[in-house]
N, C-alpha and C. Protein backbone atom coordinates (compact mmCIF):
# COMPACT_ATOMS: atom_id res chain seq x y z
N MET A 1 210.77 -13.72 76.96
CA MET A 1 210.21 -14.84 77.77
C MET A 1 209.29 -15.59 76.79
N ILE A 2 209.49 -16.91 76.88
CA ILE A 2 208.37 -17.56 75.98
C ILE A 2 208.00 -18.82 76.94
N VAL A 3 206.76 -19.03 77.16
CA VAL A 3 206.12 -19.90 77.86
C VAL A 3 205.28 -20.77 77.22
N ASN A 4 205.46 -22.27 77.50
CA ASN A 4 204.85 -23.23 76.72
C ASN A 4 204.05 -23.71 77.90
N ARG A 5 202.60 -24.17 77.76
CA ARG A 5 201.66 -24.72 78.58
C ARG A 5 200.60 -24.94 78.12
N ARG A 6 199.60 -25.55 79.16
CA ARG A 6 198.04 -25.97 78.80
C ARG A 6 197.16 -24.65 79.26
N GLU A 7 196.27 -24.96 78.88
CA GLU A 7 195.12 -23.81 79.43
C GLU A 7 193.59 -24.08 79.15
N LEU A 8 192.84 -24.29 80.06
CA LEU A 8 191.50 -24.62 80.09
C LEU A 8 190.69 -23.43 80.55
N LYS A 9 189.25 -22.97 79.75
CA LYS A 9 188.69 -21.99 79.91
C LYS A 9 187.18 -22.49 80.28
N TYR A 10 186.66 -21.80 81.32
CA TYR A 10 185.42 -21.84 81.67
C TYR A 10 184.54 -20.71 81.93
N PRO A 11 183.50 -20.17 81.11
CA PRO A 11 182.73 -19.01 81.26
C PRO A 11 181.69 -19.35 82.37
N ILE A 12 181.57 -18.60 83.59
CA ILE A 12 180.97 -18.64 84.67
C ILE A 12 179.95 -17.63 84.73
N GLY A 13 179.12 -17.92 85.60
CA GLY A 13 178.12 -16.76 85.96
C GLY A 13 178.50 -16.00 87.24
N GLU A 14 177.77 -15.29 87.63
CA GLU A 14 178.09 -14.64 89.17
C GLU A 14 178.20 -15.40 90.37
N MET A 15 177.05 -16.32 90.57
CA MET A 15 177.13 -17.38 91.55
C MET A 15 178.23 -17.96 91.69
N TYR A 16 178.76 -18.68 90.44
CA TYR A 16 180.01 -19.52 90.78
C TYR A 16 181.15 -18.67 90.81
N TYR A 17 181.30 -17.48 90.26
CA TYR A 17 182.34 -16.59 90.40
C TYR A 17 182.53 -16.41 91.72
N TYR A 18 181.91 -16.24 92.80
CA TYR A 18 182.03 -15.76 94.35
C TYR A 18 182.37 -17.38 94.64
N ARG A 19 181.79 -18.36 94.31
CA ARG A 19 181.90 -19.54 94.92
C ARG A 19 183.36 -20.20 94.50
N VAL A 20 183.73 -19.97 93.20
CA VAL A 20 185.24 -20.63 93.06
C VAL A 20 186.17 -19.37 93.61
N ASN A 21 185.69 -18.22 93.46
CA ASN A 21 186.84 -17.16 94.07
C ASN A 21 187.13 -17.68 95.65
N LYS A 22 186.11 -17.97 96.13
CA LYS A 22 186.37 -18.11 97.60
C LYS A 22 187.04 -19.64 97.86
N LEU A 23 186.87 -20.41 97.14
CA LEU A 23 187.51 -21.87 96.98
C LEU A 23 188.74 -21.59 96.72
N PHE A 24 189.44 -20.72 95.76
CA PHE A 24 190.61 -20.79 95.39
C PHE A 24 191.51 -19.72 96.20
N ASN A 25 191.01 -19.10 96.72
CA ASN A 25 191.48 -18.36 97.58
C ASN A 25 192.14 -19.16 99.01
N GLU A 26 191.50 -20.16 99.42
CA GLU A 26 191.63 -20.84 100.61
C GLU A 26 192.38 -22.04 100.04
N ILE A 27 192.91 -22.57 98.91
CA ILE A 27 193.46 -23.72 98.68
C ILE A 27 194.63 -23.32 97.71
N LEU A 28 194.94 -22.09 97.27
CA LEU A 28 195.77 -21.45 96.38
C LEU A 28 196.50 -20.26 96.95
N THR A 29 197.63 -19.85 96.25
CA THR A 29 198.20 -18.83 97.03
C THR A 29 197.59 -17.33 96.17
N PRO A 30 197.08 -16.62 96.69
CA PRO A 30 196.59 -15.20 95.88
C PRO A 30 197.80 -14.47 95.42
N ASP A 31 197.45 -14.27 94.08
CA ASP A 31 198.63 -13.38 93.38
C ASP A 31 198.80 -12.14 94.45
N LYS A 32 199.89 -11.39 94.37
CA LYS A 32 200.30 -10.37 95.44
C LYS A 32 199.53 -9.12 94.77
N ASN A 33 199.27 -9.04 93.34
CA ASN A 33 198.72 -7.68 93.07
C ASN A 33 197.19 -8.03 93.04
N ASN A 34 196.57 -8.95 93.79
CA ASN A 34 194.90 -9.19 93.85
C ASN A 34 194.70 -7.98 94.63
N GLY A 35 195.02 -7.47 95.70
CA GLY A 35 194.58 -6.53 96.50
C GLY A 35 193.05 -7.12 96.79
N GLU A 36 192.03 -5.95 96.95
CA GLU A 36 190.64 -6.63 97.52
C GLU A 36 189.99 -6.97 96.40
N TYR A 37 189.95 -6.20 95.28
CA TYR A 37 189.10 -6.41 94.07
C TYR A 37 189.77 -7.13 92.68
N GLY A 38 191.17 -7.25 93.05
CA GLY A 38 191.70 -7.71 91.66
C GLY A 38 192.25 -6.74 91.08
N TYR A 39 192.77 -6.93 89.80
CA TYR A 39 193.65 -5.78 89.13
C TYR A 39 193.19 -5.57 87.90
N LYS A 40 193.53 -4.46 87.12
CA LYS A 40 192.93 -4.17 85.95
C LYS A 40 194.04 -4.65 84.91
N ILE A 41 193.47 -5.04 83.79
CA ILE A 41 194.36 -5.53 82.58
C ILE A 41 193.58 -4.78 81.33
N ARG A 42 194.53 -4.21 80.68
CA ARG A 42 193.88 -3.45 79.19
C ARG A 42 194.71 -4.25 78.10
N SER A 43 194.39 -4.68 77.37
CA SER A 43 194.85 -5.47 75.72
C SER A 43 194.32 -4.68 74.72
N LEU A 44 195.22 -4.42 74.06
CA LEU A 44 195.17 -3.80 72.22
C LEU A 44 195.52 -4.98 71.56
N TYR A 45 194.55 -5.51 70.91
CA TYR A 45 194.68 -6.54 69.63
C TYR A 45 194.85 -6.07 68.48
N PHE A 46 195.74 -6.76 67.96
CA PHE A 46 196.07 -6.24 66.32
C PHE A 46 195.37 -7.71 65.73
N ASP A 47 195.48 -7.47 64.44
CA ASP A 47 194.82 -8.48 63.22
C ASP A 47 195.42 -8.03 61.99
N SER A 48 195.32 -8.79 60.86
CA SER A 48 195.91 -8.77 59.80
C SER A 48 194.95 -7.86 58.83
N ILE A 49 194.92 -7.20 57.57
CA ILE A 49 194.33 -6.59 57.02
C ILE A 49 193.08 -7.26 56.58
N ASN A 50 193.14 -9.06 56.46
CA ASN A 50 192.02 -9.80 56.23
C ASN A 50 191.33 -10.40 57.39
N ASN A 51 192.06 -9.91 58.63
CA ASN A 51 191.33 -10.46 60.07
C ASN A 51 191.72 -12.13 60.32
N ASP A 52 192.93 -12.36 59.51
CA ASP A 52 193.19 -13.83 59.61
C ASP A 52 193.13 -14.77 61.05
N ASP A 53 193.57 -13.78 61.94
CA ASP A 53 193.75 -14.63 63.35
C ASP A 53 192.21 -14.48 63.78
N TYR A 54 191.30 -13.68 63.68
CA TYR A 54 190.01 -13.61 63.88
C TYR A 54 189.52 -14.89 63.17
N TYR A 55 189.57 -15.20 62.15
CA TYR A 55 188.85 -16.26 61.35
C TYR A 55 189.42 -17.43 61.88
N ALA A 56 190.78 -17.46 62.02
CA ALA A 56 191.14 -18.97 62.54
C ALA A 56 190.59 -19.19 63.76
N LYS A 57 190.53 -18.18 64.98
CA LYS A 57 189.82 -18.56 66.16
C LYS A 57 188.40 -19.03 65.87
N VAL A 58 187.83 -18.42 65.35
CA VAL A 58 186.17 -18.96 65.01
C VAL A 58 186.11 -19.85 64.45
N SER A 59 186.88 -20.33 63.38
CA SER A 59 186.93 -21.82 62.53
C SER A 59 187.17 -22.64 63.52
N GLY A 60 188.01 -22.42 64.71
CA GLY A 60 188.65 -23.60 65.43
C GLY A 60 189.97 -24.21 64.95
N ASP A 61 190.70 -23.51 64.11
CA ASP A 61 191.88 -24.03 63.97
C ASP A 61 192.81 -24.62 64.89
N GLU A 62 193.63 -25.55 64.53
CA GLU A 62 194.38 -26.10 65.59
C GLU A 62 195.63 -25.44 65.75
N VAL A 63 196.04 -24.69 64.69
CA VAL A 63 197.25 -23.87 64.71
C VAL A 63 196.64 -22.37 64.45
N ARG A 64 197.08 -21.30 65.40
CA ARG A 64 196.53 -20.13 65.53
C ARG A 64 197.34 -19.24 66.22
N LYS A 65 197.04 -17.99 66.21
CA LYS A 65 198.01 -16.93 67.17
C LYS A 65 197.21 -15.49 67.21
N LYS A 66 197.69 -14.85 68.26
CA LYS A 66 197.12 -13.47 68.33
C LYS A 66 198.32 -12.62 68.73
N ILE A 67 198.41 -11.15 68.50
CA ILE A 67 199.25 -10.34 68.84
C ILE A 67 198.65 -9.07 69.76
N ARG A 68 199.04 -8.93 70.88
CA ARG A 68 198.48 -7.83 71.39
C ARG A 68 199.44 -6.99 72.47
N LEU A 69 199.13 -5.86 72.55
CA LEU A 69 199.88 -4.76 73.48
C LEU A 69 198.94 -5.01 75.01
N ARG A 70 199.90 -4.91 75.95
CA ARG A 70 199.14 -5.11 77.38
C ARG A 70 199.65 -4.03 78.30
N ILE A 71 198.80 -3.65 79.14
CA ILE A 71 199.24 -2.50 80.37
C ILE A 71 198.26 -3.04 81.67
N TYR A 72 198.85 -2.53 82.76
CA TYR A 72 198.19 -2.46 84.03
C TYR A 72 197.73 -1.28 84.48
N ASP A 73 198.07 -0.23 83.91
CA ASP A 73 197.93 1.16 84.21
C ASP A 73 198.13 1.99 83.06
N THR A 74 197.21 2.64 83.11
CA THR A 74 197.06 3.89 81.87
C THR A 74 198.48 4.93 81.87
N LYS A 75 198.98 4.84 82.88
CA LYS A 75 200.07 5.77 83.27
C LYS A 75 201.49 5.11 82.80
N ALA A 76 201.44 3.53 82.51
CA ALA A 76 202.66 2.91 82.11
C ALA A 76 203.44 3.47 81.20
N THR A 77 204.59 3.22 81.31
CA THR A 77 206.07 3.68 80.65
C THR A 77 206.43 2.56 79.98
N GLU A 78 206.13 1.40 80.08
CA GLU A 78 206.42 0.08 79.43
C GLU A 78 205.50 -0.52 79.11
N VAL A 79 205.25 -1.36 77.97
CA VAL A 79 203.95 -2.11 77.69
C VAL A 79 204.90 -3.28 77.21
N LYS A 80 203.84 -4.48 77.57
CA LYS A 80 204.32 -5.97 77.18
C LYS A 80 203.74 -5.98 75.45
N LEU A 81 204.24 -6.51 74.74
CA LEU A 81 204.19 -7.16 73.70
C LEU A 81 204.19 -8.46 73.54
N GLU A 82 202.71 -9.25 73.11
CA GLU A 82 202.78 -10.63 73.31
C GLU A 82 202.37 -11.22 72.11
N ILE A 83 202.87 -12.49 71.82
CA ILE A 83 202.53 -13.46 70.64
C ILE A 83 202.03 -14.62 71.51
N LYS A 84 200.87 -14.77 71.04
CA LYS A 84 200.17 -15.90 71.75
C LYS A 84 199.95 -16.81 71.00
N ARG A 85 200.37 -18.27 70.68
CA ARG A 85 200.16 -19.05 69.80
C ARG A 85 199.49 -20.14 70.19
N LYS A 86 198.73 -21.02 69.59
CA LYS A 86 197.95 -22.00 69.91
C LYS A 86 198.53 -23.31 69.07
N LEU A 87 198.91 -24.47 69.50
CA LEU A 87 199.28 -25.61 68.73
C LEU A 87 198.57 -26.87 69.33
N ASN A 88 197.60 -27.09 68.69
CA ASN A 88 196.72 -28.30 69.10
C ASN A 88 196.26 -27.93 70.87
N ILE A 89 196.77 -28.71 71.67
CA ILE A 89 196.12 -28.42 72.88
C ILE A 89 197.36 -27.40 73.96
N SER A 90 198.50 -27.18 73.31
CA SER A 90 199.57 -26.39 73.96
C SER A 90 199.20 -25.07 73.61
N GLN A 91 199.76 -23.90 74.66
CA GLN A 91 199.59 -22.60 74.31
C GLN A 91 201.13 -22.18 74.57
N ILE A 92 201.68 -21.28 73.63
CA ILE A 92 202.91 -20.89 73.67
C ILE A 92 202.59 -19.26 73.53
N LYS A 93 203.22 -18.61 74.89
CA LYS A 93 203.30 -17.17 74.79
C LYS A 93 204.64 -16.60 74.85
N GLU A 94 204.81 -15.66 73.92
CA GLU A 94 206.23 -15.07 73.80
C GLU A 94 205.87 -13.55 74.26
N THR A 95 206.58 -13.02 75.36
CA THR A 95 206.64 -11.69 75.70
C THR A 95 207.67 -11.08 75.80
N THR A 96 207.56 -9.81 75.25
CA THR A 96 208.90 -8.91 75.27
C THR A 96 208.35 -7.48 75.91
N THR A 97 209.16 -6.66 76.17
CA THR A 97 208.96 -5.28 76.89
C THR A 97 209.17 -4.14 75.71
N ILE A 98 208.35 -3.27 75.42
CA ILE A 98 208.76 -2.15 74.55
C ILE A 98 208.43 -0.86 75.28
N SER A 99 208.79 0.58 74.82
CA SER A 99 208.58 1.59 75.28
C SER A 99 207.11 2.19 74.87
N LYS A 100 206.53 3.14 75.97
CA LYS A 100 205.29 3.72 75.57
C LYS A 100 205.52 4.14 74.27
N GLU A 101 206.19 4.98 73.87
CA GLU A 101 206.63 5.91 72.86
C GLU A 101 206.38 4.87 71.55
N ASP A 102 207.31 3.86 71.77
CA ASP A 102 207.10 2.76 70.89
C ASP A 102 205.95 2.17 70.43
N ALA A 103 205.20 1.81 71.51
CA ALA A 103 203.69 1.30 71.51
C ALA A 103 203.02 2.28 70.58
N ILE A 104 203.08 3.47 70.86
CA ILE A 104 202.30 4.37 70.35
C ILE A 104 202.49 4.24 68.45
N ARG A 105 203.61 4.48 68.31
CA ARG A 105 204.08 4.45 67.37
C ARG A 105 203.67 3.10 66.31
N LEU A 106 203.69 1.91 67.01
CA LEU A 106 203.44 0.55 66.29
C LEU A 106 201.54 0.58 66.23
N ILE A 107 200.94 1.23 67.26
CA ILE A 107 199.33 1.60 67.06
C ILE A 107 199.25 2.16 65.54
N ASN A 108 200.01 2.91 65.50
CA ASN A 108 200.01 3.84 64.04
C ASN A 108 200.53 3.16 62.75
N LYS A 109 200.71 1.76 63.03
CA LYS A 109 201.28 0.83 62.09
C LYS A 109 202.80 1.21 61.55
N ASP A 110 203.47 1.74 62.69
CA ASP A 110 205.19 1.95 62.26
C ASP A 110 205.75 0.50 62.78
N TYR A 111 205.53 -0.43 61.96
CA TYR A 111 206.37 -1.45 62.64
C TYR A 111 207.93 -1.51 62.91
N SER A 112 208.50 -0.78 62.30
CA SER A 112 209.99 -0.71 62.26
C SER A 112 210.35 -0.33 63.70
N VAL A 113 209.51 -0.04 64.69
CA VAL A 113 210.18 0.14 66.25
C VAL A 113 210.58 -0.81 66.61
N LEU A 114 210.07 -2.25 66.29
CA LEU A 114 210.35 -3.59 66.61
C LEU A 114 211.44 -4.04 66.55
N LEU A 115 212.31 -3.27 65.25
CA LEU A 115 213.56 -4.03 64.87
C LEU A 115 214.87 -3.73 65.83
N LYS A 116 214.70 -2.61 66.72
CA LYS A 116 215.76 -2.45 67.80
C LYS A 116 215.45 -3.31 69.40
N TYR A 117 214.48 -4.20 69.17
CA TYR A 117 214.10 -4.91 70.45
C TYR A 117 214.77 -6.49 69.90
N ASP A 118 214.28 -7.54 70.79
CA ASP A 118 214.99 -8.82 70.65
C ASP A 118 214.26 -9.51 69.60
N GLU A 119 214.45 -10.98 69.82
CA GLU A 119 213.89 -11.97 68.67
C GLU A 119 212.39 -12.07 68.67
N ILE A 120 211.93 -11.93 69.93
CA ILE A 120 210.40 -12.06 70.06
C ILE A 120 209.90 -10.65 69.17
N ALA A 121 210.12 -9.51 69.34
CA ALA A 121 209.91 -8.43 68.80
C ALA A 121 210.16 -8.54 67.15
N HIS A 122 211.21 -9.01 66.71
CA HIS A 122 211.47 -9.29 65.30
C HIS A 122 210.32 -10.15 64.99
N SER A 123 210.11 -11.28 65.47
CA SER A 123 208.94 -12.17 65.04
C SER A 123 207.70 -11.31 64.83
N ALA A 124 207.36 -10.68 65.93
CA ALA A 124 206.27 -9.90 65.73
C ALA A 124 206.21 -8.74 64.30
N TYR A 125 207.53 -8.26 64.36
CA TYR A 125 207.45 -7.35 63.02
C TYR A 125 207.46 -8.18 61.83
N ASN A 126 207.86 -9.45 61.73
CA ASN A 126 207.70 -10.06 60.54
C ASN A 126 206.39 -10.39 60.22
N ILE A 127 205.44 -10.91 61.22
CA ILE A 127 204.35 -11.16 61.26
C ILE A 127 203.43 -9.94 60.82
N MET A 128 203.52 -8.76 61.34
CA MET A 128 202.89 -7.56 61.23
C MET A 128 203.09 -6.90 59.88
N THR A 129 204.23 -7.12 59.52
CA THR A 129 204.66 -6.47 58.05
C THR A 129 203.89 -7.21 57.11
N MET A 130 204.16 -8.44 57.05
CA MET A 130 203.64 -9.37 56.10
C MET A 130 201.91 -9.44 55.81
N GLY A 131 201.12 -9.23 57.24
CA GLY A 131 200.02 -9.25 57.13
C GLY A 131 199.20 -7.95 57.15
N GLN A 132 200.31 -6.87 57.01
CA GLN A 132 199.49 -5.61 57.03
C GLN A 132 198.76 -5.24 58.56
N TYR A 133 199.19 -5.83 59.77
CA TYR A 133 198.47 -5.67 60.94
C TYR A 133 198.11 -4.27 61.51
N GLN A 134 197.21 -4.11 62.16
CA GLN A 134 196.44 -3.04 62.47
C GLN A 134 195.85 -3.08 63.87
N PRO A 135 195.66 -2.31 64.87
CA PRO A 135 194.80 -2.31 65.70
C PRO A 135 193.29 -2.73 65.32
N VAL A 136 192.76 -3.61 66.23
CA VAL A 136 191.20 -3.81 66.08
C VAL A 136 190.35 -3.71 66.98
N VAL A 137 190.78 -4.05 68.35
CA VAL A 137 190.09 -3.84 69.47
C VAL A 137 190.60 -4.05 71.00
N LEU A 138 190.13 -2.93 71.54
CA LEU A 138 190.65 -2.75 72.97
C LEU A 138 189.85 -3.28 73.77
N VAL A 139 190.55 -4.43 74.93
CA VAL A 139 189.67 -4.87 75.78
C VAL A 139 190.19 -4.58 77.16
N ASP A 140 188.97 -4.56 78.27
CA ASP A 140 189.64 -3.92 79.67
C ASP A 140 189.09 -5.19 80.44
N TYR A 141 189.27 -5.66 81.48
CA TYR A 141 188.81 -6.64 82.78
C TYR A 141 189.43 -6.67 84.04
N ILE A 142 188.94 -6.92 84.84
CA ILE A 142 189.35 -7.03 85.99
C ILE A 142 189.64 -8.56 86.38
N ARG A 143 191.14 -8.64 86.91
CA ARG A 143 191.55 -10.28 87.21
C ARG A 143 191.87 -10.39 88.56
N ARG A 144 191.38 -11.35 88.97
CA ARG A 144 191.81 -12.09 90.26
C ARG A 144 192.78 -13.31 89.94
N ALA A 145 194.11 -13.38 90.70
CA ALA A 145 194.71 -14.74 90.27
C ALA A 145 195.33 -15.38 91.13
N TYR A 146 195.33 -16.60 91.24
CA TYR A 146 195.91 -17.57 92.31
C TYR A 146 196.75 -18.48 91.60
N ILE A 147 197.81 -19.05 92.24
CA ILE A 147 198.87 -19.96 91.85
C ILE A 147 199.48 -20.89 92.87
N HIS A 148 200.13 -21.73 92.37
CA HIS A 148 200.65 -23.17 92.95
C HIS A 148 201.80 -23.47 92.08
N SER A 149 203.02 -23.75 93.11
CA SER A 149 204.23 -23.56 92.46
C SER A 149 204.65 -24.76 91.72
N GLU A 150 203.94 -25.73 92.08
CA GLU A 150 203.87 -27.44 91.40
C GLU A 150 203.11 -27.16 89.88
N ASN A 151 204.04 -27.77 89.01
CA ASN A 151 203.59 -27.66 87.84
C ASN A 151 202.90 -26.35 87.13
N ASN A 152 203.76 -25.07 87.97
CA ASN A 152 203.45 -23.83 87.44
C ASN A 152 201.83 -23.62 87.21
N ILE A 153 201.09 -23.89 88.16
CA ILE A 153 199.66 -23.74 88.08
C ILE A 153 199.29 -22.42 88.44
N ARG A 154 198.35 -21.72 87.68
CA ARG A 154 197.54 -20.47 87.67
C ARG A 154 196.37 -20.52 87.18
N VAL A 155 195.72 -19.88 88.21
CA VAL A 155 193.95 -19.96 88.04
C VAL A 155 193.70 -18.41 87.84
N THR A 156 193.17 -17.86 86.86
CA THR A 156 192.71 -16.69 86.96
C THR A 156 191.08 -16.60 86.71
N LEU A 157 190.31 -15.32 87.36
CA LEU A 157 188.94 -15.00 87.39
C LEU A 157 188.83 -13.75 86.67
N ASP A 158 188.46 -13.48 85.46
CA ASP A 158 188.53 -12.39 84.88
C ASP A 158 186.95 -12.10 84.60
N SER A 159 186.79 -10.85 85.18
CA SER A 159 185.24 -10.30 85.24
C SER A 159 185.40 -8.66 84.66
N ASP A 160 184.15 -8.13 84.61
CA ASP A 160 183.71 -6.90 84.05
C ASP A 160 184.66 -6.61 82.66
N ILE A 161 184.34 -7.77 81.75
CA ILE A 161 184.91 -7.65 80.44
C ILE A 161 184.32 -6.68 79.43
N ARG A 162 185.20 -5.69 78.97
CA ARG A 162 184.56 -4.50 78.25
C ARG A 162 185.57 -4.23 77.27
N SER A 163 184.86 -3.45 75.78
CA SER A 163 185.47 -3.55 74.67
C SER A 163 185.41 -2.49 74.03
N ASN A 164 186.16 -1.66 73.20
CA ASN A 164 185.90 -0.87 72.22
C ASN A 164 186.80 -0.90 70.76
N GLU A 165 185.97 -1.09 69.83
CA GLU A 165 186.36 -1.27 68.43
C GLU A 165 186.93 -0.38 67.55
N PHE A 166 186.71 0.99 68.17
CA PHE A 166 187.17 2.20 67.60
C PHE A 166 188.02 3.12 68.06
N ASN A 167 188.30 3.32 69.36
CA ASN A 167 189.24 3.82 69.99
C ASN A 167 190.27 3.01 70.50
N PHE A 168 191.53 3.33 70.03
CA PHE A 168 192.61 2.46 70.46
C PHE A 168 193.54 3.29 71.17
N ASN A 169 193.26 4.44 71.75
CA ASN A 169 194.28 4.89 72.89
C ASN A 169 194.30 4.15 74.04
N MET A 170 195.23 3.23 74.04
CA MET A 170 195.44 2.36 75.33
C MET A 170 195.85 3.02 76.75
N PHE A 171 196.20 4.35 76.11
CA PHE A 171 196.64 5.18 77.52
C PHE A 171 195.86 6.11 78.04
N SER A 172 194.79 6.09 77.75
CA SER A 172 193.63 7.11 78.04
C SER A 172 192.62 6.37 78.97
N ASP A 173 192.22 7.37 79.73
CA ASP A 173 191.22 7.03 80.97
C ASP A 173 189.78 7.13 80.31
N ASP A 174 189.74 7.89 79.12
CA ASP A 174 188.52 8.49 78.73
C ASP A 174 187.70 7.55 77.58
N VAL A 175 188.31 6.40 77.47
CA VAL A 175 187.85 5.49 76.38
C VAL A 175 186.42 4.95 76.97
N THR A 176 185.47 5.10 76.09
CA THR A 176 184.24 4.69 76.48
C THR A 176 184.25 2.69 76.12
N MET A 177 184.19 2.15 77.40
CA MET A 177 184.41 0.37 77.09
C MET A 177 182.93 0.24 77.27
N ILE A 178 182.57 -0.67 76.28
CA ILE A 178 181.16 -1.66 76.58
C ILE A 178 181.35 -2.60 77.10
N PRO A 179 180.38 -3.57 77.86
CA PRO A 179 180.36 -4.64 78.20
C PRO A 179 180.48 -5.46 76.99
N VAL A 180 181.06 -6.74 77.11
CA VAL A 180 181.04 -7.66 76.36
C VAL A 180 179.99 -8.67 76.24
N PHE A 181 179.48 -9.16 77.40
CA PHE A 181 178.37 -9.84 77.66
C PHE A 181 177.06 -8.94 77.94
N ASP A 182 175.79 -9.72 77.33
CA ASP A 182 174.56 -8.86 77.71
C ASP A 182 174.24 -9.37 79.18
N TYR A 183 174.64 -10.35 79.47
CA TYR A 183 174.17 -10.56 81.06
C TYR A 183 176.00 -10.86 81.90
N TYR A 184 175.72 -11.01 83.28
CA TYR A 184 177.02 -11.01 84.12
C TYR A 184 177.88 -12.38 83.31
N ASN A 185 178.80 -12.31 83.10
CA ASN A 185 179.54 -13.55 82.72
C ASN A 185 180.94 -13.17 83.01
N ALA A 186 181.63 -14.20 83.68
CA ALA A 186 183.22 -14.06 83.77
C ALA A 186 183.81 -15.29 83.25
N LEU A 187 185.07 -15.28 83.19
CA LEU A 187 185.96 -16.10 82.63
C LEU A 187 186.95 -16.76 83.59
N LEU A 188 186.82 -18.05 84.00
CA LEU A 188 187.85 -18.76 84.58
C LEU A 188 188.79 -19.54 83.35
N GLU A 189 189.80 -19.23 84.07
CA GLU A 189 191.07 -19.93 83.07
C GLU A 189 192.16 -20.70 84.00
N VAL A 190 192.50 -21.69 83.93
CA VAL A 190 193.25 -22.51 84.51
C VAL A 190 194.63 -22.94 83.42
N LYS A 191 195.85 -22.42 83.91
CA LYS A 191 196.94 -22.73 83.08
C LYS A 191 197.96 -23.58 83.91
N PHE A 192 198.49 -24.36 83.37
CA PHE A 192 199.54 -25.33 83.81
C PHE A 192 200.30 -26.01 82.86
N ASP A 193 201.63 -26.64 83.50
CA ASP A 193 202.61 -27.23 82.55
C ASP A 193 202.19 -28.72 83.13
N GLY A 194 202.56 -29.62 82.11
CA GLY A 194 202.30 -31.03 82.29
C GLY A 194 200.73 -31.61 82.71
N GLU A 195 200.51 -31.99 83.73
CA GLU A 195 199.46 -32.35 84.20
C GLU A 195 198.67 -31.58 85.35
N LEU A 196 197.31 -31.67 85.42
CA LEU A 196 196.69 -30.75 86.09
C LEU A 196 196.45 -32.02 87.58
N PHE A 197 196.67 -31.10 88.89
CA PHE A 197 196.64 -31.98 89.89
C PHE A 197 195.03 -32.08 90.07
N CYS A 198 194.81 -33.64 90.34
CA CYS A 198 193.35 -34.02 90.56
C CYS A 198 192.62 -33.17 91.55
N TRP A 199 193.05 -32.43 92.76
CA TRP A 199 192.33 -31.82 93.45
C TRP A 199 192.05 -30.60 92.81
N ILE A 200 192.79 -29.83 91.97
CA ILE A 200 192.19 -28.75 91.31
C ILE A 200 191.17 -29.20 90.24
N SER A 201 191.14 -30.41 89.88
CA SER A 201 190.00 -30.91 88.88
C SER A 201 188.82 -31.05 89.61
N GLN A 202 188.93 -31.61 90.84
CA GLN A 202 187.83 -31.69 91.53
C GLN A 202 187.23 -30.62 92.15
N ALA A 203 187.74 -29.56 92.20
CA ALA A 203 187.61 -28.29 92.60
C ALA A 203 186.56 -27.66 91.61
N LEU A 204 186.62 -28.11 90.17
CA LEU A 204 186.03 -27.55 89.23
C LEU A 204 184.75 -28.37 88.94
N VAL A 205 184.65 -29.64 89.56
CA VAL A 205 183.38 -30.40 89.46
C VAL A 205 182.23 -29.68 89.88
N GLY A 206 181.17 -29.65 89.33
CA GLY A 206 179.58 -29.05 89.99
C GLY A 206 179.75 -27.51 89.13
N LEU A 207 180.59 -27.38 88.57
CA LEU A 207 180.50 -26.07 87.89
C LEU A 207 179.43 -26.26 86.65
N ASP A 208 178.63 -24.91 86.70
CA ASP A 208 177.46 -25.33 85.67
C ASP A 208 178.09 -24.87 84.37
N THR A 209 178.99 -25.23 84.02
CA THR A 209 179.61 -25.17 82.77
C THR A 209 180.61 -26.18 82.34
N THR A 210 181.37 -26.01 80.96
CA THR A 210 182.30 -26.94 80.39
C THR A 210 183.26 -26.19 79.86
N ASN A 211 184.48 -27.07 79.94
CA ASN A 211 185.61 -26.17 79.33
C ASN A 211 185.41 -25.78 77.83
N TYR A 212 185.59 -24.42 77.48
CA TYR A 212 185.09 -23.53 76.39
C TYR A 212 186.15 -22.93 75.66
N SER A 213 186.32 -23.06 74.71
CA SER A 213 187.55 -22.24 73.78
C SER A 213 187.05 -20.81 73.55
N ILE A 214 186.39 -20.18 74.40
CA ILE A 214 186.12 -18.63 74.53
C ILE A 214 187.49 -17.66 74.40
N SER A 215 187.13 -16.61 73.70
CA SER A 215 188.65 -16.04 73.31
C SER A 215 187.77 -14.56 73.58
N LYS A 216 188.59 -13.61 74.70
CA LYS A 216 188.46 -12.28 75.11
C LYS A 216 188.42 -11.43 73.82
N TYR A 217 189.39 -11.75 72.93
CA TYR A 217 189.60 -10.92 71.59
C TYR A 217 188.31 -11.17 70.78
N CYS A 218 188.02 -12.30 70.55
CA CYS A 218 187.02 -12.48 69.56
C CYS A 218 185.53 -11.77 70.09
N SER A 219 185.21 -12.23 71.60
CA SER A 219 184.20 -11.49 72.20
C SER A 219 184.02 -10.50 72.14
N GLY A 220 185.11 -9.49 72.00
CA GLY A 220 185.21 -8.23 71.94
C GLY A 220 184.92 -7.48 70.76
N ARG A 221 185.12 -8.17 69.73
CA ARG A 221 184.48 -7.52 68.43
C ARG A 221 182.99 -7.88 68.20
N ARG A 222 182.35 -7.49 69.03
CA ARG A 222 180.86 -7.52 68.85
C ARG A 222 180.35 -6.95 67.53
N PHE A 223 181.04 -5.60 67.55
CA PHE A 223 180.57 -4.80 66.22
C PHE A 223 180.73 -5.34 65.14
N TYR A 224 181.92 -5.97 64.82
CA TYR A 224 182.58 -6.59 63.67
C TYR A 224 181.56 -7.58 63.40
N GLU A 225 181.69 -8.71 64.29
CA GLU A 225 180.62 -9.66 64.21
C GLU A 225 179.20 -9.53 63.84
N ASN A 226 178.66 -8.47 64.38
CA ASN A 226 177.42 -8.33 64.01
C ASN A 226 176.82 -7.45 62.63
N TYR A 227 177.78 -6.50 62.28
CA TYR A 227 177.49 -5.69 61.19
C TYR A 227 178.54 -5.65 60.26
N ILE A 228 179.80 -6.45 60.36
CA ILE A 228 180.59 -6.25 59.18
C ILE A 228 180.56 -7.69 58.52
N LEU A 229 180.39 -9.10 59.21
CA LEU A 229 180.77 -10.32 58.73
C LEU A 229 179.39 -10.37 57.78
């Protein structure tokens, strides 16, 4: 699956989190997986031996990418492999599915497991082989999502964002995850095709924040940023 769309990001505090959650719960359709408190996402990010993707992000390059594995339950038997590319203001996300066993082999840098899958996996194989990619950070968070069918609008609220830069066992419940932020902070993301409806934009007016190109991947690499750079 390949999705091409635009994306806006707003870091928000606790007060605004509950305010916009209530608002979007009233004007949009809650994702069926939300439940009472949202649903958990765990992503394992990879980067090249030279951390090219990290530096492209922090430098604000207009053309950049990220490669990650994603699950919603540590007992998952299938894993999403995603290549997320930014081309100026557009976001392109390529997603395919691989088995848990092959995900574990990929974490151990056996890229060849990708060759038995589709073109997206083959593209990831080429990127990861040439760049000698390796896992660099595991990121957890809780998501609430809201949707609108017109222009494929999807609004997400991510909170309790935590990371680990040393233990990459994404199928373990025993990994110690450290909060990414020193104070309560959540991330509001608005994703859409074409143009954003004015009534969605108006709902964002008054937020004590601005659209900001924040990255859960880069934010999760605090040890690397503080002690390695």
